[in-house]
Amino acid sequence: TIYFSSCSMEFDEKIHTHLMSVWRESKSFFGVGGKEGMLILTDNHFIFLKRTERMKKWWGAATKRQIVTLLQNKNTMTEKLDGYEEKDLQVDLEEVKPKYISKITFDNILEIGEEEKTWGSVLTIKAIEEGKEKKYDFSIVQDWVKYPIKDPTKYLNVDWKPCIEFIKSRQRVTK
C-alpha cells in the first residue's frame, strides 16, 4: 500500500513496472543535462525518482541484472526487480527531496510516445507537472562514464510500447 505524502488523499497502488538506470533529459528551454534514477509505473502514476544514497546499497547489482533481462527481452513492463516493493517506494517518496521526484498522474500525461535512435530507445512524455507543461525524454542506460561527471555512454534498445499502452489504458481523460 502506497500513501503519497505530497497528496492530500490516500489510496492503495501497486507497482506494475520498476526500471533502474534511467536517464531523464528535460526538453525545456532551460533544461541542462539529465538525471539518473528509477522509473516506476503504479496503478495511476508515472514516477521518476532521482537515484539516492539509500539506493546505492543495491543499485549496482540490480542494474546489472536488469541489463541482462532487457537484452534477452526488450519488454519494459518488467516484474518488480530485486524485491523493490510498494513499502520501498513509500520510504523513497518520504526520504527523497521533492525536487528529485516527478510524480505524474496518468491523466496529466498529454502525449506519450517512443522514438528509436541509432544509440537507443527513448520514451517521450509531455505532461502537466506542478501546474506547468513539461517535456521529458527517458532512456535506459547500459554503461556510464564516471569522470569528470557521470554521464551515459551506452543506451539500451528496449520496447517502450507496453508501458505506453499501460498508461493509455488507464487514462480517464484522453484527447
Protein backbone atom coordinates (compact mmCIF):
# COMPACT_ATOMS: atom_id res chain seq x y z
CA THR A 1 0.00 0.00 0.00
CA ILE A 2 1.39 3.35 -1.01
CA TYR A 3 0.31 6.55 0.69
CA PHE A 4 1.70 9.56 -1.13
CA SER A 5 2.64 12.14 1.47
CA SER A 6 2.52 15.03 -1.01
CA CYS A 7 -1.09 14.20 -1.90
CA SER A 8 -3.98 15.07 0.34
CA MET A 9 -5.70 11.78 -0.37
CA GLU A 10 -4.60 8.28 0.48
CA PHE A 11 -5.00 5.36 -1.86
CA ASP A 12 -3.71 1.88 -2.50
CA GLU A 13 -1.47 1.45 -5.51
CA LYS A 14 0.61 -1.43 -6.78
CA ILE A 15 3.86 -1.20 -8.74
CA HIS A 16 3.48 -2.55 -12.27
CA THR A 17 6.99 -1.85 -13.53
CA HIS A 18 10.22 -0.72 -11.94
CA LEU A 19 13.14 0.33 -14.16
CA MET A 20 16.53 1.48 -12.92
CA SER A 21 19.46 3.25 -14.52
CA VAL A 22 17.03 5.50 -16.35
CA TRP A 23 18.34 8.77 -17.77
CA ARG A 24 15.84 11.64 -17.78
CA GLU A 25 16.53 14.54 -20.10
CA SER A 26 14.46 17.69 -19.71
CA LYS A 27 13.33 19.13 -23.03
CA SER A 28 12.69 22.61 -21.66
CA PHE A 29 14.49 25.68 -22.95
CA PHE A 30 16.47 25.99 -19.71
CA GLY A 31 16.87 22.23 -19.18
CA VAL A 32 20.54 21.41 -18.74
CA GLY A 33 21.90 17.88 -18.53
CA GLY A 34 19.97 14.95 -17.21
CA LYS A 35 19.36 12.91 -14.10
CA GLU A 36 19.79 9.22 -13.31
CA GLY A 37 17.06 7.46 -11.43
CA MET A 38 14.24 4.94 -11.35
CA LEU A 39 11.10 4.95 -13.42
CA ILE A 40 8.11 3.35 -11.73
CA LEU A 41 4.59 2.82 -13.02
CA THR A 42 1.90 2.26 -10.42
CA ASP A 43 -1.84 1.86 -10.94
CA ASN A 44 -2.30 5.58 -11.67
CA HIS A 45 1.11 7.29 -11.57
CA PHE A 46 4.26 7.71 -13.60
CA ILE A 47 7.05 8.26 -11.06
CA PHE A 48 10.68 9.18 -11.64
CA LEU A 49 12.92 9.20 -8.54
CA LYS A 50 16.45 10.52 -8.73
CA ARG A 51 18.99 8.00 -7.50
CA THR A 52 19.65 8.40 -3.77
CA GLU A 53 22.24 7.38 -1.18
CA ARG A 54 19.84 4.73 0.15
CA MET A 55 19.69 3.13 -3.29
CA LYS A 56 23.48 2.81 -3.61
CA LYS A 57 23.47 -0.32 -1.41
CA TRP A 58 21.72 -2.45 -4.02
CA TRP A 59 21.80 -0.34 -7.20
CA GLY A 60 24.89 -1.79 -8.93
CA ALA A 61 23.97 -5.47 -8.81
CA ALA A 62 20.31 -4.80 -9.54
CA THR A 63 21.05 -2.70 -12.64
CA LYS A 64 23.36 -5.43 -13.99
CA ARG A 65 20.54 -7.99 -13.63
CA GLN A 66 18.13 -5.56 -15.32
CA ILE A 67 20.51 -5.10 -18.29
CA VAL A 68 20.75 -8.87 -18.78
CA THR A 69 16.94 -9.17 -18.58
CA LEU A 70 16.36 -6.34 -21.08
CA LEU A 71 18.98 -7.66 -23.51
CA GLN A 72 17.12 -11.01 -23.52
CA ASN A 73 13.63 -9.49 -23.68
CA LYS A 74 13.20 -5.80 -24.58
CA ASN A 75 9.82 -5.51 -22.79
CA THR A 76 9.89 -2.56 -20.35
CA MET A 77 6.86 -3.79 -18.41
CA THR A 78 9.05 -5.87 -16.13
CA GLU A 79 8.14 -7.50 -12.88
CA LYS A 80 9.43 -5.87 -9.73
CA LEU A 81 13.18 -6.37 -9.64
CA ASP A 82 15.17 -7.45 -6.63
CA GLY A 83 12.30 -7.17 -4.21
CA TYR A 84 11.67 -3.42 -4.65
CA GLU A 85 8.12 -3.23 -3.38
CA GLU A 86 5.47 -0.69 -2.51
CA LYS A 87 6.90 -0.26 1.01
CA ASP A 88 10.30 0.64 -0.51
CA LEU A 89 8.66 3.19 -2.80
CA GLN A 90 6.88 4.68 0.21
CA VAL A 91 10.21 5.09 2.05
CA ASP A 92 11.83 6.67 -1.01
CA LEU A 93 8.91 9.06 -1.53
CA GLU A 94 9.21 10.16 2.11
CA GLU A 95 13.01 10.43 2.18
CA VAL A 96 13.79 11.88 -1.25
CA LYS A 97 13.57 15.65 -1.50
CA PRO A 98 10.51 16.68 -3.54
CA LYS A 99 12.69 18.40 -6.15
CA TYR A 100 14.11 14.95 -7.02
CA ILE A 101 10.70 13.36 -7.61
CA SER A 102 8.50 13.59 -10.68
CA LYS A 103 5.11 12.08 -9.86
CA ILE A 104 2.61 12.48 -12.67
CA THR A 105 -0.89 11.06 -12.69
CA PHE A 106 -1.69 9.30 -15.95
CA ASP A 107 -4.50 11.78 -16.65
CA ASN A 108 -1.90 14.60 -16.65
CA ILE A 109 0.09 12.97 -19.46
CA LEU A 110 -0.81 14.90 -22.60
CA GLU A 111 1.38 12.99 -25.06
CA ILE A 112 3.44 9.83 -24.77
CA GLY A 113 5.43 8.04 -27.42
CA GLU A 114 8.66 6.35 -28.27
CA GLU A 115 11.49 7.08 -30.65
CA GLU A 116 14.15 4.73 -31.94
CA LYS A 117 17.51 6.42 -32.19
CA THR A 118 20.69 4.88 -33.55
CA TRP A 119 22.05 4.82 -30.00
CA GLY A 120 18.93 3.52 -28.16
CA SER A 121 15.21 3.79 -27.43
CA VAL A 122 13.59 6.90 -26.00
CA LEU A 123 10.28 7.28 -24.15
CA THR A 124 8.95 10.81 -24.76
CA ILE A 125 6.43 12.43 -22.44
CA LYS A 126 4.64 15.75 -22.45
CA ALA A 127 2.71 16.25 -19.21
CA ILE A 128 1.35 18.71 -16.72
CA GLU A 129 3.59 18.66 -13.65
CA GLU A 130 3.12 21.11 -10.79
CA GLY A 131 0.72 23.11 -12.96
CA LYS A 132 3.20 23.53 -15.83
CA GLU A 133 3.57 21.72 -19.14
CA LYS A 134 6.86 19.80 -19.18
CA LYS A 135 8.56 17.56 -21.72
CA TYR A 136 10.96 14.73 -20.89
CA ASP A 137 12.88 12.01 -22.68
CA PHE A 138 13.66 8.78 -20.80
CA SER A 139 16.26 6.19 -21.82
CA ILE A 140 17.68 3.14 -20.08
CA VAL A 141 21.45 3.28 -19.72
CA GLN A 142 23.72 0.28 -20.07
CA ASP A 143 27.08 1.93 -19.35
CA TRP A 144 28.39 5.15 -17.80
CA VAL A 145 31.49 7.30 -17.74
CA LYS A 146 32.12 8.45 -14.17
CA TYR A 147 34.76 11.15 -14.66
CA PRO A 148 34.76 14.17 -14.78
CA ILE A 149 30.98 13.90 -14.30
CA LYS A 150 28.72 10.88 -14.51
CA ASP A 151 27.23 10.67 -17.97
CA PRO A 152 25.68 7.87 -20.06
CA THR A 153 27.90 6.31 -22.73
CA LYS A 154 25.75 3.40 -23.93
CA TYR A 155 21.97 3.07 -24.00
CA LEU A 156 19.69 0.04 -24.41
CA ASN A 157 17.29 -0.60 -27.26
CA VAL A 158 14.06 -1.54 -25.49
CA ASP A 159 10.37 -1.75 -26.26
CA TRP A 160 8.51 1.13 -24.59
CA LYS A 161 5.16 0.16 -26.20
CA PRO A 162 3.97 -1.97 -23.24
CA CYS A 163 4.49 1.00 -20.86
CA ILE A 164 2.77 3.38 -23.28
CA GLU A 165 -0.20 1.02 -23.72
CA PHE A 166 -0.45 0.50 -19.95
CA ILE A 167 -0.59 4.26 -19.32
CA LYS A 168 -3.07 4.92 -22.13
CA SER A 169 -5.33 2.10 -20.95
CA ARG A 170 -5.56 3.72 -17.53
CA GLN A 171 -6.12 7.29 -18.62
CA ARG A 172 -9.64 8.51 -17.99
CA VAL A 173 -9.19 11.70 -19.99
CA THR A 174 -7.77 11.43 -23.48
CA LYS A 175 -7.59 13.72 -26.49
